[in-house]
Amino acid sequence: MSEYDAIARFYELEYSQFTEDLAFYRNFAQRCGSPVLELGCGTGRVLIPLARAGFRVTGIDDSPAMLAIARDKLAAPGLSAEVNVFQADMRSFHLEDRFRLAICPINTFMHMLTISDQTMALECARAHLEEKGLLVLDLFNPDIALLFEGAGRLVFERELTDPVSGRKISKMVSSWVDPAQQLNHVTYFYDEVGASGELRRTVVPIKQRYFYRFEMQHLLERGGFRVEQVYGSYDLDEYTADGAKMIFVARKEGPNI
């Protein structure tokens, strides 16, 4: 069971309107062509717009609850023929298709906590790419001061509105950082008042491994990729140490073994 099963509904409310990276992925899909593979497709936030733009897309995710939301949205006319989604672990999935482009949006790769996890995921992605296929990884650029800023405190982050019930949902976050292990421990709290006035709290702890620029490049090269570019934004700005993003574009090297 994925930790995201418990918060799939909240995740969809929070991120369904996030569109900042859609043009970025659409441009890479246009550059590479179909088919496209999304690693950690969640509720279909990126996958479905790519399908609407005419690309054949396959998504994998290990959360049944997230995929259930994606499949509900894929019931819309004209989408089912362009999209396949599968419940799978990005470290060990096996698909028949080979892809020209694989994408891993918004910090998804940071759920690969160990070197073994990371190596397996990259090898699996590489095995599913066509010769010279591209892999795009969107990662948080480590800012230790920012990571420690809210450590140990419960911070109100935002208020969400359930479109069906109209009820308000308060999202709060608590975190602590283990710099020796490069792990950010985050606990999400979602507070929702039920129909009869009772408070329902959903609590989900999540761990993410943050990466440094050349550490990630070494992992990619060890996994059979050549890094073509590292961007600092979805507008293709040059990567800088003080930027928020670290987006790797890596080319598969050599044939599958």
Protein backbone atom coordinates (compact mmCIF):
# COMPACT_ATOMS: atom_id res chain seq x y z
CA MET A 1 0.00 0.00 0.00
CA SER A 2 1.32 3.43 -0.96
CA GLU A 3 1.28 6.29 1.54
CA TYR A 4 -0.50 8.27 -1.17
CA ASP A 5 -3.57 6.03 -0.97
CA ALA A 6 -4.61 7.86 2.21
CA ILE A 7 -4.32 11.32 0.65
CA ALA A 8 -5.24 10.70 -3.00
CA ARG A 9 -8.38 12.84 -2.78
CA PHE A 10 -6.52 15.69 -1.09
CA TYR A 11 -3.66 15.42 -3.59
CA GLU A 12 -6.09 15.78 -6.48
CA LEU A 13 -7.70 18.85 -4.88
CA GLU A 14 -4.30 20.41 -4.30
CA TYR A 15 -2.48 19.68 -7.54
CA SER A 16 -5.17 19.36 -10.21
CA GLN A 17 -4.78 23.05 -11.07
CA PHE A 18 -0.97 23.00 -11.15
CA THR A 19 -0.11 23.58 -14.80
CA GLU A 20 3.31 25.25 -14.68
CA ASP A 21 5.15 22.25 -16.10
CA LEU A 22 2.65 21.12 -18.75
CA ALA A 23 4.09 23.14 -21.64
CA PHE A 24 7.56 21.90 -20.67
CA TYR A 25 6.54 18.24 -20.99
CA ARG A 26 4.45 18.88 -24.09
CA ASN A 27 7.49 20.42 -25.80
CA PHE A 28 9.64 17.40 -24.95
CA ALA A 29 6.91 15.08 -26.21
CA GLN A 30 6.82 17.02 -29.48
CA ARG A 31 10.59 16.76 -29.72
CA CYS A 32 10.67 12.99 -29.11
CA GLY A 33 7.28 11.80 -30.40
CA SER A 34 5.06 9.02 -29.09
CA PRO A 35 4.95 6.85 -27.12
CA VAL A 36 5.65 8.61 -23.80
CA LEU A 37 6.07 6.94 -20.40
CA GLU A 38 5.27 8.74 -17.14
CA LEU A 39 6.84 7.34 -13.98
CA GLY A 40 4.60 8.07 -11.00
CA CYS A 41 1.62 9.35 -12.98
CA GLY A 42 -0.60 9.75 -9.90
CA THR A 43 -4.04 11.12 -10.72
CA GLY A 44 -3.09 11.91 -14.33
CA ARG A 45 -2.23 15.59 -13.93
CA VAL A 46 0.47 15.48 -16.65
CA LEU A 47 -0.53 12.30 -18.46
CA ILE A 48 -4.03 13.44 -19.46
CA PRO A 49 -3.02 16.81 -20.98
CA LEU A 50 -0.36 14.99 -23.03
CA ALA A 51 -3.03 12.59 -24.29
CA ARG A 52 -5.31 15.52 -25.14
CA ALA A 53 -2.42 17.00 -27.14
CA GLY A 54 -2.39 13.86 -29.29
CA PHE A 55 0.39 11.79 -27.72
CA ARG A 56 0.18 8.12 -26.82
CA VAL A 57 1.01 7.93 -23.14
CA THR A 58 1.50 5.16 -20.60
CA GLY A 59 1.62 5.87 -16.89
CA ILE A 60 2.63 3.76 -13.93
CA ASP A 61 2.04 4.40 -10.24
CA ASP A 62 2.08 2.24 -7.12
CA SER A 63 -1.00 3.84 -5.53
CA PRO A 64 -4.33 2.20 -6.41
CA ALA A 65 -6.24 5.19 -5.00
CA MET A 66 -4.34 7.68 -7.16
CA LEU A 67 -4.84 5.51 -10.24
CA ALA A 68 -8.57 5.17 -9.50
CA ILE A 69 -8.89 8.95 -9.80
CA ALA A 70 -6.87 8.92 -13.01
CA ARG A 71 -9.06 6.18 -14.51
CA ASP A 72 -12.22 8.12 -13.64
CA LYS A 73 -10.86 11.10 -15.57
CA LEU A 74 -9.77 8.87 -18.45
CA ALA A 75 -13.40 7.86 -18.97
CA ALA A 76 -13.85 11.14 -20.85
CA PRO A 77 -14.52 10.68 -24.61
CA GLY A 78 -11.46 10.38 -26.82
CA LEU A 79 -8.91 9.65 -24.13
CA SER A 80 -8.97 5.91 -23.50
CA ALA A 81 -7.39 5.05 -26.85
CA GLU A 82 -4.41 7.33 -26.15
CA VAL A 83 -3.62 6.32 -22.56
CA ASN A 84 -2.73 3.20 -20.57
CA VAL A 85 -2.18 3.25 -16.82
CA PHE A 86 -0.83 0.43 -14.68
CA GLN A 87 -0.25 -0.13 -11.01
CA ALA A 88 3.46 -0.84 -10.77
CA ASP A 89 6.59 -0.13 -8.78
CA MET A 90 8.96 2.11 -10.74
CA ARG A 91 11.86 -0.06 -9.54
CA SER A 92 10.55 -3.29 -11.06
CA PHE A 93 7.89 -2.77 -13.73
CA HIS A 94 7.69 -4.71 -16.98
CA LEU A 95 5.82 -3.35 -20.01
CA GLU A 96 5.71 -4.61 -23.58
CA ASP A 97 6.12 -1.17 -25.16
CA ARG A 98 9.33 0.80 -25.58
CA PHE A 99 9.20 4.57 -25.31
CA ARG A 100 10.85 7.55 -26.93
CA LEU A 101 10.48 9.68 -23.81
CA ALA A 102 10.15 8.91 -20.09
CA ILE A 103 9.25 11.63 -17.61
CA CYS A 104 9.25 11.70 -13.82
CA PRO A 105 7.61 14.97 -12.68
CA ILE A 106 7.64 16.97 -9.42
CA ASN A 107 10.07 15.18 -7.11
CA THR A 108 8.64 11.71 -7.71
CA PHE A 109 12.12 10.22 -8.01
CA MET A 110 12.87 11.49 -4.49
CA HIS A 111 10.76 8.61 -3.17
CA MET A 112 13.64 6.34 -4.20
CA LEU A 113 15.31 6.44 -0.79
CA THR A 114 18.29 4.13 -1.18
CA ILE A 115 21.03 3.71 -3.75
CA SER A 116 19.53 0.32 -4.57
CA ASP A 117 16.10 1.91 -5.15
CA GLN A 118 17.60 4.61 -7.35
CA THR A 119 19.73 2.23 -9.39
CA MET A 120 16.85 -0.19 -9.96
CA ALA A 121 14.49 2.60 -11.01
CA LEU A 122 16.95 4.08 -13.50
CA GLU A 123 17.84 0.67 -14.94
CA CYS A 124 14.14 -0.14 -15.32
CA ALA A 125 13.44 3.20 -17.01
CA ARG A 126 16.39 2.69 -19.34
CA ALA A 127 15.20 -0.81 -20.29
CA HIS A 128 11.86 0.66 -21.38
CA LEU A 129 13.33 3.40 -23.56
CA GLU A 130 14.01 3.06 -27.25
CA GLU A 131 17.57 3.47 -28.42
CA LYS A 132 18.69 7.04 -27.64
CA GLY A 133 15.44 7.71 -25.79
CA LEU A 134 15.22 10.60 -23.32
CA LEU A 135 14.59 10.60 -19.59
CA VAL A 136 13.47 13.81 -17.84
CA LEU A 137 13.67 14.04 -14.03
CA ASP A 138 12.25 17.02 -12.14
CA LEU A 139 13.90 17.32 -8.71
CA PHE A 140 14.05 19.72 -5.77
CA ASN A 141 17.32 21.63 -5.71
CA PRO A 142 18.60 21.18 -2.13
CA ASP A 143 18.36 24.28 0.02
CA ILE A 144 19.38 23.24 3.51
CA ALA A 145 18.31 26.56 5.06
CA LEU A 146 14.85 26.15 3.53
CA LEU A 147 14.61 22.52 4.67
CA PHE A 148 15.44 23.47 8.26
CA GLU A 149 13.25 26.58 8.25
CA GLY A 150 10.08 24.79 9.35
CA ALA A 151 11.69 21.79 11.01
CA GLY A 152 10.01 20.74 14.24
CA ARG A 153 7.01 23.05 13.84
CA LEU A 154 3.46 22.41 12.71
CA VAL A 155 2.86 24.90 9.88
CA PHE A 156 -0.46 25.77 8.26
CA GLU A 157 0.12 25.52 4.51
CA ARG A 158 -3.20 26.08 2.75
CA GLU A 159 -6.94 25.62 2.73
CA LEU A 160 -8.62 23.35 0.20
CA THR A 161 -12.28 23.17 -0.78
CA ASP A 162 -14.03 19.90 -1.59
CA PRO A 163 -15.97 20.69 -4.81
CA VAL A 164 -18.65 18.09 -4.03
CA SER A 165 -19.44 18.85 -0.39
CA GLY A 166 -18.18 22.43 -0.30
CA ARG A 167 -16.40 21.66 2.96
CA LYS A 168 -13.10 23.31 3.81
CA ILE A 169 -10.00 21.22 4.41
CA SER A 170 -7.00 22.64 6.27
CA LYS A 171 -3.59 21.30 5.29
CA MET A 172 -0.76 21.51 7.82
CA VAL A 173 2.79 20.25 7.54
CA SER A 174 5.46 19.21 10.01
CA SER A 175 8.96 18.17 8.98
CA TRP A 176 12.43 17.34 10.15
CA VAL A 177 15.62 16.81 8.17
CA ASP A 178 18.29 14.14 8.52
CA PRO A 179 21.25 15.66 6.64
CA ALA A 180 23.47 12.63 7.25
CA GLN A 181 21.04 10.47 5.27
CA GLN A 182 19.85 13.29 2.98
CA LEU A 183 16.28 12.53 4.02
CA ASN A 184 13.45 14.98 4.49
CA HIS A 185 10.78 13.56 6.81
CA VAL A 186 7.43 15.26 6.19
CA THR A 187 4.11 14.63 7.92
CA TYR A 188 0.94 15.95 6.29
CA PHE A 189 -2.14 16.73 8.36
CA TYR A 190 -5.49 17.22 6.60
CA ASP A 191 -8.29 18.46 8.87
CA GLU A 192 -11.85 18.26 7.56
CA VAL A 193 -15.10 18.99 9.39
CA GLY A 194 -17.65 16.25 8.68
CA ALA A 195 -21.33 16.68 7.89
CA SER A 196 -22.33 16.34 11.55
CA GLY A 197 -19.60 18.68 12.80
CA GLU A 198 -16.96 16.14 13.79
CA LEU A 199 -13.33 16.84 12.97
CA ARG A 200 -11.66 14.24 10.75
CA ARG A 201 -7.89 14.33 10.65
CA THR A 202 -5.84 12.41 8.10
CA VAL A 203 -2.17 12.06 9.04
CA VAL A 204 0.39 10.72 6.56
CA PRO A 205 4.19 10.65 7.05
CA ILE A 206 6.35 10.68 3.92
CA LYS A 207 10.11 10.46 3.42
CA GLN A 208 11.99 11.93 0.47
CA ARG A 209 15.65 11.67 -0.44
CA TYR A 210 17.15 14.89 -1.77
CA PHE A 211 19.97 14.80 -4.29
CA TYR A 212 22.86 17.06 -5.15
CA ARG A 213 23.64 18.03 -8.72
CA PHE A 214 26.68 15.81 -9.39
CA GLU A 215 25.40 12.98 -7.21
CA MET A 216 22.40 12.75 -9.55
CA GLN A 217 24.57 12.97 -12.63
CA HIS A 218 26.72 10.13 -11.31
CA LEU A 219 23.62 7.99 -10.68
CA LEU A 220 22.38 8.63 -14.21
CA GLU A 221 25.72 7.84 -15.82
CA ARG A 222 26.07 4.71 -13.71
CA GLY A 223 22.57 3.74 -14.88
CA GLY A 224 23.45 3.97 -18.58
CA PHE A 225 22.47 7.58 -19.35
CA ARG A 226 24.35 10.60 -20.63
CA VAL A 227 23.23 13.91 -19.12
CA GLU A 228 22.50 16.35 -21.94
CA GLN A 229 21.27 19.28 -19.88
CA VAL A 230 20.39 20.39 -16.36
CA TYR A 231 17.76 23.11 -16.21
CA GLY A 232 16.79 25.36 -13.35
CA SER A 233 13.20 25.97 -14.42
CA TYR A 234 10.41 24.85 -16.72
CA ASP A 235 11.35 27.81 -18.93
CA LEU A 236 14.71 26.10 -19.58
CA ASP A 237 16.70 28.58 -17.52
CA GLU A 238 20.23 27.50 -16.75
CA TYR A 239 20.64 25.54 -13.52
CA THR A 240 22.08 27.58 -10.66
CA ALA A 241 22.91 26.55 -7.12
CA ASP A 242 20.35 28.94 -5.62
CA GLY A 243 17.44 27.99 -7.91
CA ALA A 244 14.41 25.98 -6.78
CA LYS A 245 14.59 23.34 -9.53
CA MET A 246 17.09 20.78 -10.80
CA ILE A 247 15.69 19.23 -13.98
CA PHE A 248 17.83 16.58 -15.66
CA VAL A 249 17.52 15.66 -19.32
CA ALA A 250 19.43 12.43 -19.95
CA ARG A 251 19.90 10.33 -23.09
CA LYS A 252 19.95 6.55 -23.01
CA GLU A 253 23.38 5.29 -23.99
CA GLY A 254 23.89 2.07 -25.95
CA PRO A 255 21.47 -0.83 -26.54
CA ASN A 256 19.66 -2.77 -23.85
CA ILE A 257 21.72 -5.59 -22.40
